[in-house]
C-alpha cells in the first residue's frame, strides 16, 4: 500500500490548504485567499476525499492522488536536475519515494569496490539508513546490492544514505552532478 506524505497542511486542489493527517484528508481547512485567515471545518466533498489529480505533497513535488490514495507517480517543476534516479528540484532532493531538503546534503562518487573495501556502507546498512533505487539495503543484501565493478553516486542527507548506480560511461557526468549537489547544498544551508 502506498502511504501519503507526512501530516501537514497541503493544497487540496480546491484553492484551500487542508489538513492531511498522514493517511487521509480531514475537515479542517484554511483559505489563504481570505483577508483574515481562520481555521474552518467542512467536508472536502460528499465522499470526504479529494478528487483525483496532482497535488503538492509538501516535499517539493506534485504527487498523483487517485481519489482514494496517494500513488507513486510524481512530477517536478520542470527546472529540476536529475541523474541516476536522484532529482534535485529547488530546495529538495529526491530518490524514489524519499524526499529531503537539499541543504546539508553531501554527495560523493566512487566505485563499488572502494565503498565495499573501506566498509563505508556497512554502518548505514546496519542502521537501516542505506537506500538503493529499489528501497532499503540491509547488511544481508549489501554484498549483492553493490557491484564492485560499477561506479556509484552516494548522497548523505538527513541521516539517510542514498546509493545510485552510475550508468556505464557516465562517470564525467556523475562527477559533475556530485559537485553540483554539493554546491546547491551549501547554497541552501544558510538560507
N, C-alpha and C. Protein backbone atom coordinates (compact mmCIF):
# COMPACT_ATOMS: atom_id res chain seq x y z
N UNK A 1 0.84 -1.18 0.00
CA UNK A 1 0.00 0.00 0.00
C UNK A 1 0.88 1.24 0.00
N UNK A 2 0.53 2.23 -0.76
CA UNK A 2 1.29 3.47 -0.83
C UNK A 2 0.85 4.39 0.29
N UNK A 3 1.80 4.94 1.00
CA UNK A 3 1.46 5.89 2.05
C UNK A 3 1.63 7.29 1.53
N UNK A 4 0.91 8.20 2.13
CA UNK A 4 0.98 9.59 1.72
C UNK A 4 2.10 10.32 2.41
N UNK A 5 2.15 11.61 2.20
CA UNK A 5 3.17 12.41 2.85
C UNK A 5 2.89 12.54 4.33
N UNK A 6 3.84 13.13 5.04
CA UNK A 6 3.67 13.36 6.47
C UNK A 6 2.46 14.24 6.73
N UNK A 7 1.93 14.17 7.94
CA UNK A 7 0.81 15.02 8.31
C UNK A 7 1.20 16.48 8.12
N UNK A 8 0.26 17.29 7.64
CA UNK A 8 0.55 18.71 7.46
C UNK A 8 -0.51 19.39 6.60
N UNK A 9 -0.32 20.69 6.37
CA UNK A 9 -1.23 21.48 5.55
C UNK A 9 -0.79 21.38 4.10
N UNK A 10 -1.73 21.01 3.22
CA UNK A 10 -1.45 20.85 1.80
C UNK A 10 -2.57 21.45 0.97
N UNK A 11 -2.24 21.84 -0.25
CA UNK A 11 -3.25 22.32 -1.20
C UNK A 11 -4.18 21.15 -1.50
N UNK A 12 -5.48 21.36 -1.32
CA UNK A 12 -6.44 20.26 -1.54
C UNK A 12 -6.99 20.22 -2.95
N UNK A 13 -6.48 21.08 -3.83
CA UNK A 13 -6.94 21.10 -5.20
C UNK A 13 -8.17 21.96 -5.42
N UNK A 14 -8.66 22.57 -4.36
CA UNK A 14 -9.83 23.43 -4.45
C UNK A 14 -9.50 24.85 -3.98
N UNK A 15 -8.22 25.22 -3.99
CA UNK A 15 -7.80 26.56 -3.59
C UNK A 15 -7.68 26.77 -2.10
N UNK A 16 -7.72 25.69 -1.34
CA UNK A 16 -7.62 25.79 0.11
C UNK A 16 -6.46 24.92 0.60
N UNK A 17 -5.95 25.26 1.77
CA UNK A 17 -4.99 24.42 2.45
C UNK A 17 -5.79 23.56 3.41
N UNK A 18 -5.68 22.24 3.27
CA UNK A 18 -6.45 21.32 4.10
C UNK A 18 -5.48 20.45 4.89
N UNK A 19 -5.87 20.06 6.10
CA UNK A 19 -5.03 19.23 6.94
C UNK A 19 -5.08 17.78 6.48
N UNK A 20 -3.90 17.23 6.14
CA UNK A 20 -3.71 15.82 5.81
C UNK A 20 -3.14 15.18 7.06
N UNK A 21 -3.82 14.20 7.66
CA UNK A 21 -3.38 13.63 8.94
C UNK A 21 -2.33 12.52 8.79
N UNK A 22 -1.85 12.34 7.58
CA UNK A 22 -0.87 11.29 7.32
C UNK A 22 -1.47 10.11 6.60
N UNK A 23 -2.80 9.97 6.68
CA UNK A 23 -3.48 8.88 5.99
C UNK A 23 -4.70 9.34 5.20
N UNK A 24 -5.30 10.48 5.59
CA UNK A 24 -6.49 10.96 4.89
C UNK A 24 -6.64 12.46 5.09
N UNK A 25 -7.47 13.07 4.21
CA UNK A 25 -7.81 14.48 4.37
C UNK A 25 -8.79 14.61 5.52
N UNK A 26 -8.67 15.67 6.33
CA UNK A 26 -9.62 15.92 7.41
C UNK A 26 -10.56 17.05 6.98
N UNK A 27 -11.46 17.44 7.87
CA UNK A 27 -12.39 18.52 7.57
C UNK A 27 -11.80 19.90 7.85
N UNK A 28 -10.66 20.00 8.56
CA UNK A 28 -10.06 21.30 8.86
C UNK A 28 -9.39 21.88 7.63
N UNK A 29 -9.68 23.16 7.34
CA UNK A 29 -9.04 23.82 6.22
C UNK A 29 -8.89 25.31 6.50
N UNK A 30 -8.00 25.94 5.75
CA UNK A 30 -7.86 27.39 5.76
C UNK A 30 -7.85 27.84 4.30
N UNK A 31 -8.39 29.04 4.07
CA UNK A 31 -8.41 29.61 2.73
C UNK A 31 -7.47 30.80 2.74
N UNK A 32 -6.31 30.66 2.12
CA UNK A 32 -5.30 31.71 2.15
C UNK A 32 -5.67 32.92 1.30
N UNK A 33 -6.74 32.81 0.51
CA UNK A 33 -7.20 33.94 -0.29
C UNK A 33 -8.02 34.93 0.53
N UNK A 34 -8.48 34.51 1.70
CA UNK A 34 -9.28 35.38 2.56
C UNK A 34 -8.38 36.41 3.24
N UNK A 35 -8.96 37.58 3.53
CA UNK A 35 -8.21 38.65 4.20
C UNK A 35 -7.80 38.19 5.61
N UNK A 36 -8.75 37.66 6.38
CA UNK A 36 -8.46 37.13 7.71
C UNK A 36 -8.49 35.61 7.62
N UNK A 37 -7.33 35.01 7.74
CA UNK A 37 -7.24 33.55 7.63
C UNK A 37 -7.71 32.93 8.94
N UNK A 38 -8.71 32.08 8.84
CA UNK A 38 -9.27 31.41 10.01
C UNK A 38 -9.31 29.91 9.75
N UNK A 39 -9.16 29.15 10.83
CA UNK A 39 -9.32 27.70 10.74
C UNK A 39 -10.80 27.40 10.63
N UNK A 40 -11.16 26.63 9.62
CA UNK A 40 -12.56 26.27 9.39
C UNK A 40 -12.67 24.75 9.28
N UNK A 41 -13.91 24.28 9.35
CA UNK A 41 -14.15 22.85 9.12
C UNK A 41 -15.20 22.72 8.05
N UNK A 42 -15.10 21.68 7.28
CA UNK A 42 -16.07 21.41 6.23
C UNK A 42 -15.58 20.25 5.40
N UNK A 43 -16.49 19.44 4.99
CA UNK A 43 -16.14 18.27 4.19
C UNK A 43 -15.55 18.71 2.86
N UNK A 44 -14.60 17.96 2.39
CA UNK A 44 -13.95 18.24 1.12
C UNK A 44 -14.91 17.95 -0.03
N UNK A 45 -15.63 16.87 0.06
CA UNK A 45 -16.64 16.52 -0.94
C UNK A 45 -17.60 15.55 -0.26
N UNK A 46 -18.59 15.12 -0.98
CA UNK A 46 -19.57 14.19 -0.40
C UNK A 46 -18.89 12.93 0.10
N UNK A 47 -17.85 12.48 -0.57
CA UNK A 47 -17.17 11.25 -0.16
C UNK A 47 -16.11 11.50 0.90
N UNK A 48 -15.78 12.78 1.18
CA UNK A 48 -14.75 13.08 2.16
C UNK A 48 -13.35 12.97 1.60
N UNK A 49 -13.23 12.76 0.30
CA UNK A 49 -11.91 12.63 -0.32
C UNK A 49 -11.76 13.65 -1.44
N UNK A 50 -10.54 14.04 -1.69
CA UNK A 50 -10.27 14.97 -2.79
C UNK A 50 -10.45 14.25 -4.11
N UNK A 51 -10.81 15.02 -5.13
CA UNK A 51 -10.93 14.45 -6.47
C UNK A 51 -9.55 14.01 -6.95
N UNK A 52 -9.52 13.06 -7.84
CA UNK A 52 -8.23 12.61 -8.39
C UNK A 52 -7.53 13.78 -9.05
N UNK A 53 -6.22 13.84 -8.89
CA UNK A 53 -5.46 14.91 -9.52
C UNK A 53 -4.08 15.05 -8.92
N UNK A 54 -3.33 16.01 -9.46
CA UNK A 54 -1.98 16.31 -8.98
C UNK A 54 -2.08 17.30 -7.82
N UNK A 55 -1.43 17.00 -6.69
CA UNK A 55 -1.44 17.87 -5.52
C UNK A 55 -0.02 18.04 -5.00
N UNK A 56 0.25 19.21 -4.45
CA UNK A 56 1.54 19.47 -3.82
C UNK A 56 1.64 18.59 -2.58
N UNK A 57 2.70 17.79 -2.49
CA UNK A 57 2.83 16.90 -1.34
C UNK A 57 3.62 17.51 -0.20
N UNK A 58 3.97 18.79 -0.32
CA UNK A 58 4.70 19.46 0.74
C UNK A 58 6.17 19.08 0.79
N UNK A 59 6.64 18.31 -0.18
CA UNK A 59 8.02 17.85 -0.21
C UNK A 59 8.70 18.25 -1.51
N UNK A 60 8.24 19.34 -2.11
CA UNK A 60 8.90 19.87 -3.29
C UNK A 60 8.52 19.21 -4.60
N UNK A 61 7.39 18.53 -4.65
CA UNK A 61 6.94 17.90 -5.89
C UNK A 61 5.43 17.76 -5.88
N UNK A 62 4.87 17.42 -7.01
CA UNK A 62 3.45 17.12 -7.15
C UNK A 62 3.30 15.60 -7.14
N UNK A 63 2.30 15.08 -6.42
CA UNK A 63 2.03 13.64 -6.42
C UNK A 63 0.61 13.42 -6.88
N UNK A 64 0.35 12.28 -7.51
CA UNK A 64 -0.97 11.96 -8.02
C UNK A 64 -1.81 11.32 -6.92
N UNK A 65 -2.97 11.93 -6.64
CA UNK A 65 -3.97 11.40 -5.73
C UNK A 65 -5.04 10.76 -6.61
N UNK A 66 -5.29 9.46 -6.46
CA UNK A 66 -6.22 8.79 -7.38
C UNK A 66 -7.68 8.89 -6.95
N UNK A 67 -7.95 9.71 -5.94
CA UNK A 67 -9.31 9.87 -5.43
C UNK A 67 -9.51 9.16 -4.11
N UNK A 68 -8.63 8.18 -3.82
CA UNK A 68 -8.73 7.48 -2.54
C UNK A 68 -7.38 7.28 -1.86
N UNK A 69 -6.28 7.37 -2.63
CA UNK A 69 -4.96 7.19 -2.02
C UNK A 69 -3.89 7.85 -2.88
N UNK A 70 -2.73 8.10 -2.26
CA UNK A 70 -1.57 8.62 -2.99
C UNK A 70 -0.95 7.51 -3.81
N UNK A 71 -0.50 7.82 -4.99
CA UNK A 71 0.21 6.84 -5.82
C UNK A 71 1.70 7.20 -5.80
N UNK A 72 2.52 6.40 -6.47
CA UNK A 72 3.95 6.68 -6.57
C UNK A 72 4.27 7.67 -7.67
N UNK A 73 3.28 8.03 -8.50
CA UNK A 73 3.51 8.96 -9.61
C UNK A 73 3.85 10.35 -9.06
N UNK A 74 4.93 10.93 -9.56
CA UNK A 74 5.37 12.25 -9.11
C UNK A 74 5.84 13.05 -10.31
N UNK A 75 5.73 14.37 -10.18
CA UNK A 75 6.28 15.24 -11.19
C UNK A 75 6.89 16.44 -10.49
N UNK A 76 7.79 17.09 -11.21
CA UNK A 76 8.55 18.17 -10.62
C UNK A 76 8.28 19.47 -11.37
N UNK A 77 9.02 20.51 -11.06
CA UNK A 77 8.76 21.86 -11.59
C UNK A 77 9.07 22.03 -13.06
N UNK A 78 9.90 21.17 -13.62
CA UNK A 78 10.34 21.32 -15.00
C UNK A 78 11.72 21.95 -15.08
N UNK A 79 12.22 22.46 -13.96
CA UNK A 79 13.56 23.02 -13.94
C UNK A 79 14.49 22.19 -13.05
N UNK A 80 14.11 20.94 -12.79
CA UNK A 80 14.90 20.07 -11.94
C UNK A 80 16.12 19.52 -12.68
N UNK A 81 17.09 19.07 -11.92
CA UNK A 81 18.27 18.37 -12.45
C UNK A 81 18.17 16.93 -11.96
N UNK A 82 18.41 15.98 -12.82
CA UNK A 82 18.30 14.58 -12.45
C UNK A 82 19.45 13.78 -13.02
N UNK A 83 19.87 12.77 -12.27
CA UNK A 83 20.91 11.86 -12.73
C UNK A 83 20.82 10.59 -11.90
N UNK A 84 20.84 9.45 -12.54
CA UNK A 84 20.87 8.12 -11.90
C UNK A 84 19.75 7.94 -10.88
N UNK A 85 18.59 8.55 -11.12
CA UNK A 85 17.45 8.39 -10.23
C UNK A 85 17.39 9.41 -9.10
N UNK A 86 18.40 10.26 -8.99
CA UNK A 86 18.39 11.30 -7.97
C UNK A 86 17.96 12.59 -8.65
N UNK A 87 16.99 13.28 -8.04
CA UNK A 87 16.42 14.50 -8.61
C UNK A 87 16.59 15.64 -7.61
N UNK A 88 17.10 16.77 -8.09
CA UNK A 88 17.18 17.97 -7.26
C UNK A 88 16.27 19.00 -7.91
N UNK A 89 15.28 19.45 -7.16
CA UNK A 89 14.32 20.42 -7.65
C UNK A 89 14.19 21.53 -6.62
N UNK A 90 14.82 22.64 -6.88
CA UNK A 90 14.79 23.75 -5.93
C UNK A 90 15.49 23.37 -4.66
N UNK A 91 14.79 23.49 -3.56
CA UNK A 91 15.37 23.22 -2.23
C UNK A 91 15.26 21.75 -1.81
N UNK A 92 14.76 20.89 -2.69
CA UNK A 92 14.51 19.48 -2.34
C UNK A 92 15.37 18.55 -3.18
N UNK A 93 15.71 17.40 -2.56
CA UNK A 93 16.40 16.33 -3.27
C UNK A 93 15.55 15.07 -3.09
N UNK A 94 15.40 14.30 -4.17
CA UNK A 94 14.51 13.14 -4.18
C UNK A 94 15.25 11.91 -4.70
N UNK A 95 14.86 10.75 -4.20
CA UNK A 95 15.38 9.48 -4.68
C UNK A 95 14.27 8.46 -4.47
N UNK A 96 13.63 8.06 -5.55
CA UNK A 96 12.47 7.16 -5.44
C UNK A 96 11.38 7.85 -4.63
N UNK A 97 10.91 7.19 -3.58
CA UNK A 97 9.86 7.76 -2.73
C UNK A 97 10.42 8.66 -1.64
N UNK A 98 11.74 8.76 -1.54
CA UNK A 98 12.38 9.56 -0.49
C UNK A 98 12.56 11.00 -0.95
N UNK A 99 12.31 11.94 -0.06
CA UNK A 99 12.50 13.37 -0.33
C UNK A 99 13.00 14.04 0.93
N UNK A 100 14.00 14.90 0.77
CA UNK A 100 14.55 15.65 1.89
C UNK A 100 14.97 17.03 1.40
N UNK A 101 15.05 18.01 2.30
CA UNK A 101 15.62 19.29 1.90
C UNK A 101 17.07 19.08 1.47
N UNK A 102 17.51 19.77 0.43
CA UNK A 102 18.85 19.58 -0.11
C UNK A 102 19.93 20.19 0.78
N UNK A 103 19.56 21.17 1.62
CA UNK A 103 20.54 21.82 2.50
C UNK A 103 21.22 20.77 3.38
N UNK A 104 22.53 20.76 3.37
CA UNK A 104 23.30 19.83 4.18
C UNK A 104 23.60 18.50 3.51
N UNK A 105 23.11 18.27 2.31
CA UNK A 105 23.39 17.02 1.60
C UNK A 105 24.86 16.98 1.20
N UNK A 106 25.44 15.80 1.23
CA UNK A 106 26.83 15.60 0.81
C UNK A 106 26.84 14.46 -0.21
N UNK A 107 27.37 14.73 -1.38
CA UNK A 107 27.41 13.72 -2.45
C UNK A 107 28.85 13.32 -2.73
N UNK A 108 29.03 12.05 -3.07
CA UNK A 108 30.35 11.55 -3.47
C UNK A 108 30.18 10.54 -4.59
N UNK A 109 31.26 10.32 -5.33
CA UNK A 109 31.27 9.42 -6.49
C UNK A 109 32.46 8.48 -6.32
N UNK A 110 32.18 7.17 -6.21
CA UNK A 110 33.24 6.19 -6.05
C UNK A 110 32.81 4.87 -6.67
N UNK A 111 33.79 3.98 -6.77
CA UNK A 111 33.48 2.64 -7.29
C UNK A 111 32.88 1.79 -6.18
N UNK A 112 32.12 0.78 -6.58
CA UNK A 112 31.56 -0.15 -5.62
C UNK A 112 32.66 -0.84 -4.83
N UNK A 113 33.80 -1.14 -5.49
CA UNK A 113 34.94 -1.75 -4.83
C UNK A 113 35.47 -0.87 -3.69
N UNK A 114 35.57 0.44 -3.95
CA UNK A 114 36.04 1.38 -2.92
C UNK A 114 35.08 1.40 -1.74
N UNK A 115 33.78 1.49 -2.01
CA UNK A 115 32.79 1.51 -0.93
C UNK A 115 32.87 0.24 -0.09
N UNK A 116 32.96 -0.90 -0.75
CA UNK A 116 32.99 -2.17 -0.03
C UNK A 116 34.31 -2.36 0.72
N UNK A 117 35.43 -2.00 0.08
CA UNK A 117 36.74 -2.19 0.69
C UNK A 117 36.88 -1.34 1.95
N UNK A 118 36.41 -0.12 1.90
CA UNK A 118 36.54 0.76 3.06
C UNK A 118 35.44 0.53 4.10
N UNK A 119 34.46 -0.29 3.78
CA UNK A 119 33.38 -0.57 4.72
C UNK A 119 32.48 0.64 4.96
N UNK A 120 32.49 1.58 4.06
CA UNK A 120 31.74 2.83 4.24
C UNK A 120 30.22 2.62 4.25
N UNK A 121 29.75 1.53 3.66
CA UNK A 121 28.31 1.30 3.58
C UNK A 121 27.79 0.36 4.67
N UNK A 122 28.70 -0.29 5.39
CA UNK A 122 28.28 -1.24 6.41
C UNK A 122 27.49 -0.62 7.55
N UNK A 123 27.99 0.49 8.08
CA UNK A 123 27.30 1.14 9.20
C UNK A 123 25.92 1.66 8.80
N UNK A 124 25.78 2.37 7.65
CA UNK A 124 24.43 2.79 7.25
C UNK A 124 23.48 1.61 6.99
N UNK A 125 24.00 0.51 6.45
CA UNK A 125 23.15 -0.67 6.21
C UNK A 125 22.65 -1.23 7.53
N UNK A 126 23.55 -1.32 8.52
CA UNK A 126 23.18 -1.82 9.84
C UNK A 126 22.18 -0.90 10.52
N UNK A 127 22.36 0.41 10.33
CA UNK A 127 21.46 1.40 10.94
C UNK A 127 20.15 1.54 10.17
N UNK A 128 20.00 0.77 9.09
CA UNK A 128 18.80 0.81 8.26
C UNK A 128 18.58 2.20 7.64
N UNK A 129 19.69 2.87 7.29
CA UNK A 129 19.59 4.20 6.68
C UNK A 129 20.16 4.22 5.26
N UNK A 130 20.46 3.02 4.70
CA UNK A 130 21.02 2.91 3.35
C UNK A 130 19.91 2.49 2.38
N UNK A 131 19.77 3.27 1.29
CA UNK A 131 18.71 3.01 0.32
C UNK A 131 19.29 2.95 -1.09
N UNK A 132 18.78 2.01 -1.86
CA UNK A 132 19.09 1.92 -3.28
C UNK A 132 17.85 2.29 -4.07
N UNK A 133 17.93 2.18 -5.37
CA UNK A 133 16.80 2.55 -6.23
C UNK A 133 15.55 1.72 -5.93
N UNK A 134 15.68 0.52 -5.44
CA UNK A 134 14.56 -0.37 -5.17
C UNK A 134 14.09 -0.31 -3.72
N UNK A 135 14.82 0.40 -2.84
CA UNK A 135 14.42 0.51 -1.43
C UNK A 135 15.60 0.33 -0.50
N UNK A 136 15.29 -0.08 0.71
CA UNK A 136 16.30 -0.19 1.76
C UNK A 136 17.30 -1.31 1.48
N UNK A 137 18.58 -1.03 1.78
CA UNK A 137 19.65 -2.02 1.64
C UNK A 137 20.09 -2.42 3.05
N UNK A 138 19.89 -3.67 3.40
CA UNK A 138 20.26 -4.19 4.72
C UNK A 138 21.64 -4.85 4.65
N UNK A 139 22.26 -5.12 5.80
CA UNK A 139 23.57 -5.78 5.78
C UNK A 139 23.55 -7.12 5.03
N UNK A 140 22.42 -7.81 5.11
CA UNK A 140 22.31 -9.12 4.47
C UNK A 140 22.39 -9.03 2.94
N UNK A 141 21.79 -7.99 2.37
CA UNK A 141 21.77 -7.86 0.91
C UNK A 141 22.86 -6.93 0.37
N UNK A 142 23.60 -6.27 1.27
CA UNK A 142 24.63 -5.33 0.84
C UNK A 142 25.63 -5.92 -0.15
N UNK A 143 26.20 -7.11 0.10
CA UNK A 143 27.17 -7.65 -0.87
C UNK A 143 26.57 -7.92 -2.26
N UNK A 144 25.28 -8.23 -2.31
CA UNK A 144 24.62 -8.47 -3.60
C UNK A 144 24.17 -7.17 -4.26
N UNK A 145 23.91 -6.14 -3.44
CA UNK A 145 23.38 -4.88 -3.95
C UNK A 145 24.44 -3.99 -4.59
N UNK A 146 25.70 -4.18 -4.18
CA UNK A 146 26.77 -3.33 -4.68
C UNK A 146 27.69 -4.13 -5.59
N UNK A 147 27.77 -3.73 -6.84
CA UNK A 147 28.65 -4.36 -7.81
C UNK A 147 30.03 -3.71 -7.67
N UNK A 148 31.07 -4.49 -7.31
CA UNK A 148 32.39 -3.89 -7.12
C UNK A 148 32.97 -3.29 -8.41
N UNK A 149 32.45 -3.67 -9.57
CA UNK A 149 32.97 -3.17 -10.85
C UNK A 149 32.20 -1.97 -11.37
N UNK A 150 31.15 -1.56 -10.67
CA UNK A 150 30.33 -0.41 -11.10
C UNK A 150 30.71 0.81 -10.27
N UNK A 151 30.35 1.97 -10.76
CA UNK A 151 30.55 3.22 -10.03
C UNK A 151 29.22 3.69 -9.48
N UNK A 152 29.28 4.40 -8.36
CA UNK A 152 28.08 4.81 -7.65
C UNK A 152 28.15 6.28 -7.25
N UNK A 153 26.97 6.84 -7.09
CA UNK A 153 26.79 8.16 -6.53
C UNK A 153 26.17 7.93 -5.16
N UNK A 154 26.80 8.44 -4.12
CA UNK A 154 26.29 8.30 -2.76
C UNK A 154 25.92 9.69 -2.26
N UNK A 155 24.67 9.84 -1.82
CA UNK A 155 24.20 11.11 -1.25
C UNK A 155 23.84 10.84 0.20
N UNK A 156 24.47 11.60 1.09
CA UNK A 156 24.16 11.53 2.52
C UNK A 156 23.32 12.75 2.85
N UNK A 157 22.09 12.51 3.30
CA UNK A 157 21.16 13.60 3.58
C UNK A 157 20.21 13.21 4.71
N UNK A 158 20.09 14.09 5.69
CA UNK A 158 19.14 13.90 6.80
C UNK A 158 19.26 12.53 7.46
N UNK A 159 20.47 12.06 7.66
CA UNK A 159 20.70 10.77 8.31
C UNK A 159 20.47 9.57 7.41
N UNK A 160 20.20 9.80 6.14
CA UNK A 160 20.00 8.71 5.18
C UNK A 160 21.18 8.68 4.22
N UNK A 161 21.38 7.53 3.61
CA UNK A 161 22.43 7.34 2.60
C UNK A 161 21.78 6.74 1.36
N UNK A 162 21.81 7.49 0.26
CA UNK A 162 21.18 7.06 -0.98
C UNK A 162 22.27 6.62 -1.94
N UNK A 163 22.20 5.39 -2.42
CA UNK A 163 23.21 4.81 -3.30
C UNK A 163 22.60 4.57 -4.68
N UNK A 164 23.09 5.31 -5.67
CA UNK A 164 22.58 5.20 -7.04
C UNK A 164 23.71 4.76 -7.97
N UNK A 165 23.48 3.71 -8.74
CA UNK A 165 24.49 3.22 -9.67
C UNK A 165 24.60 4.17 -10.86
N UNK A 166 25.84 4.51 -11.20
CA UNK A 166 26.12 5.39 -12.34
C UNK A 166 26.04 4.56 -13.61
N UNK A 167 25.29 5.02 -14.61
CA UNK A 167 25.24 4.28 -15.88
C UNK A 167 26.63 4.17 -16.49
N UNK A 168 26.95 3.06 -17.16
CA UNK A 168 28.28 2.90 -17.78
C UNK A 168 28.59 4.06 -18.73
N UNK A 169 29.82 4.54 -18.63
CA UNK A 169 30.29 5.62 -19.50
C UNK A 169 29.84 7.01 -19.05
N UNK A 170 29.17 7.13 -17.92
CA UNK A 170 28.65 8.41 -17.45
C UNK A 170 29.41 8.96 -16.24
N UNK A 171 30.66 8.53 -16.04
CA UNK A 171 31.40 8.96 -14.85
C UNK A 171 31.68 10.46 -14.84
N UNK A 172 31.98 11.05 -15.98
CA UNK A 172 32.21 12.51 -16.02
C UNK A 172 30.95 13.25 -15.61
N UNK A 173 29.82 12.82 -16.11
CA UNK A 173 28.54 13.44 -15.74
C UNK A 173 28.25 13.21 -14.26
N UNK A 174 28.61 12.03 -13.73
CA UNK A 174 28.40 11.74 -12.31
C UNK A 174 29.24 12.67 -11.44
N UNK A 175 30.49 12.90 -11.81
CA UNK A 175 31.34 13.81 -11.04
C UNK A 175 30.78 15.24 -11.09
N UNK A 176 30.31 15.64 -12.25
CA UNK A 176 29.72 16.97 -12.41
C UNK A 176 28.46 17.10 -11.55
N UNK A 177 27.60 16.08 -11.57
CA UNK A 177 26.37 16.10 -10.79
C UNK A 177 26.68 16.10 -9.29
N UNK A 178 27.68 15.33 -8.88
CA UNK A 178 28.11 15.28 -7.48
C UNK A 178 28.54 16.67 -7.01
N UNK A 179 29.36 17.32 -7.81
CA UNK A 179 29.83 18.67 -7.48
C UNK A 179 28.65 19.65 -7.42
N UNK A 180 27.71 19.51 -8.35
CA UNK A 180 26.55 20.38 -8.38
C UNK A 180 25.69 20.21 -7.13
N UNK A 181 25.44 18.95 -6.70
CA UNK A 181 24.66 18.70 -5.48
C UNK A 181 25.34 19.37 -4.29
N UNK A 182 26.66 19.21 -4.17
CA UNK A 182 27.38 19.81 -3.05
C UNK A 182 27.29 21.33 -3.06
N UNK A 183 27.33 21.93 -4.24
CA UNK A 183 27.21 23.39 -4.35
C UNK A 183 25.82 23.86 -3.96
N UNK A 184 24.78 23.18 -4.47
CA UNK A 184 23.40 23.55 -4.14
C UNK A 184 23.16 23.36 -2.64
N UNK A 185 23.69 22.30 -2.09
CA UNK A 185 23.55 22.03 -0.66
C UNK A 185 24.13 23.17 0.17
N UNK A 186 25.32 23.62 -0.20
CA UNK A 186 25.94 24.74 0.52
C UNK A 186 25.14 26.03 0.34
N UNK A 187 24.63 26.24 -0.86
CA UNK A 187 23.85 27.44 -1.15
C UNK A 187 22.63 27.55 -0.22
N UNK A 188 21.94 26.44 -0.02
CA UNK A 188 20.72 26.46 0.79
C UNK A 188 20.97 26.22 2.27
N UNK A 189 22.18 25.86 2.64
CA UNK A 189 22.47 25.53 4.04
C UNK A 189 22.15 26.69 4.99
N UNK A 190 22.44 27.91 4.60
CA UNK A 190 22.27 29.04 5.50
C UNK A 190 21.11 29.94 5.11
N UNK A 191 20.19 29.44 4.33
CA UNK A 191 19.03 30.24 3.92
C UNK A 191 17.82 29.86 4.73
